[in-house]
Amino acid sequence: MEQWEYLTLFLEATKQETDSMAYSIESEELASYSPEHMMPELNRLGAKGWELVHMQPAFVGSNEDVLLHEGGGMRRWTNKYFCVFKRPA
């Protein structure tokens, strides 16, 4: 049976100076918090053998805890994502 090792990370989608236009889509500049800004980090992890198997928006607290539900119908925006990766052990 194949064995796996897992990696969990919070990744932030934020425009960096080094991102420039390298990952723009159809030569359009990406918005400051576009998820496409995570592609350099995702590609870096992929080059190390990590496969992204799950990603979802996350509201991360100061203790690296995650907000699951916010009552009152309030809308919140986030540029942080909880990501799960796997690779053969």
Protein backbone atom coordinates (compact mmCIF):
# COMPACT_ATOMS: atom_id res chain seq x y z
CA MET A 1 0.00 0.00 0.00
CA GLU A 2 1.36 3.42 -0.93
CA GLN A 3 2.21 5.67 2.00
CA TRP A 4 1.79 9.46 1.99
CA GLU A 5 3.11 12.37 3.98
CA TYR A 6 1.01 15.51 4.32
CA LEU A 7 1.67 19.22 4.62
CA THR A 8 -0.86 21.84 5.74
CA LEU A 9 -0.26 25.54 5.21
CA PHE A 10 -2.08 28.85 5.23
CA LEU A 11 -1.18 30.64 2.01
CA GLU A 12 -1.90 34.30 1.43
CA ALA A 13 -2.90 35.67 -1.97
CA THR A 14 -1.15 39.03 -2.04
CA LYS A 15 0.56 40.76 -4.91
CA GLN A 16 4.34 40.75 -4.43
CA GLU A 17 6.90 42.81 -6.31
CA THR A 18 8.43 39.60 -7.67
CA ASP A 19 5.06 38.41 -9.04
CA SER A 20 5.04 41.14 -11.72
CA MET A 21 3.19 39.97 -14.81
CA ALA A 22 4.68 36.47 -14.85
CA TYR A 23 1.39 34.93 -13.76
CA SER A 24 -1.10 37.32 -15.26
CA ILE A 25 -3.86 35.82 -17.33
CA GLU A 26 -4.08 36.91 -20.97
CA SER A 27 -1.73 39.82 -20.23
CA GLU A 28 -4.20 41.43 -17.83
CA GLU A 29 -2.81 42.62 -14.53
CA LEU A 30 -4.19 40.65 -11.60
CA ALA A 31 -6.05 42.28 -8.73
CA SER A 32 -3.99 42.75 -5.56
CA TYR A 33 -5.54 39.76 -3.72
CA SER A 34 -6.20 37.45 -6.66
CA PRO A 35 -5.62 33.74 -5.82
CA GLU A 36 -3.37 33.56 -8.89
CA HIS A 37 -0.71 35.37 -6.82
CA MET A 38 -0.23 32.07 -4.94
CA MET A 39 0.93 30.27 -8.09
CA PRO A 40 4.68 30.91 -7.58
CA GLU A 41 4.50 29.31 -4.12
CA LEU A 42 2.29 26.47 -5.36
CA ASN A 43 4.76 25.82 -8.19
CA ARG A 44 7.68 25.90 -5.73
CA LEU A 45 5.98 23.28 -3.56
CA GLY A 46 5.06 21.23 -6.63
CA ALA A 47 8.72 21.18 -7.67
CA LYS A 48 9.47 19.60 -4.28
CA GLY A 49 6.94 16.84 -4.97
CA TRP A 50 3.97 18.28 -3.06
CA GLU A 51 0.57 17.90 -4.74
CA LEU A 52 -2.22 20.30 -3.74
CA VAL A 53 -5.22 18.18 -2.75
CA HIS A 54 -7.41 20.74 -0.97
CA MET A 55 -7.70 24.51 -0.75
CA GLN A 56 -10.39 26.65 0.87
CA PRO A 57 -10.70 30.25 2.07
CA ALA A 58 -9.94 30.63 5.77
CA PHE A 59 -10.35 33.37 8.33
CA VAL A 60 -7.21 32.93 10.42
CA GLY A 61 -6.97 34.26 13.98
CA SER A 62 -3.92 35.62 15.77
CA ASN A 63 -3.22 32.16 17.24
CA GLU A 64 -3.40 30.51 13.80
CA ASP A 65 -6.90 29.28 14.68
CA VAL A 66 -9.65 29.22 12.04
CA LEU A 67 -13.10 30.81 12.18
CA LEU A 68 -15.66 28.24 11.06
CA HIS A 69 -18.87 30.24 11.23
CA GLU A 70 -19.68 33.85 11.78
CA GLY A 71 -23.26 34.52 12.77
CA GLY A 72 -25.55 37.37 11.86
CA GLY A 73 -25.21 37.01 8.11
CA MET A 74 -22.13 39.21 8.12
CA ARG A 75 -19.98 39.05 5.00
CA ARG A 76 -16.20 38.93 5.35
CA TRP A 77 -13.46 38.89 2.77
CA THR A 78 -10.23 36.96 3.04
CA ASN A 79 -7.11 36.46 0.98
CA LYS A 80 -5.87 33.53 3.10
CA TYR A 81 -6.39 29.92 2.13
CA PHE A 82 -6.01 26.68 4.05
CA CYS A 83 -4.12 24.28 1.79
CA VAL A 84 -3.44 20.57 2.14
CA PHE A 85 -0.65 18.92 0.14
CA LYS A 86 0.50 15.32 -0.12
CA ARG A 87 3.46 13.45 -1.58
CA PRO A 88 4.68 9.86 -1.45
CA ALA A 89 6.45 9.11 1.83
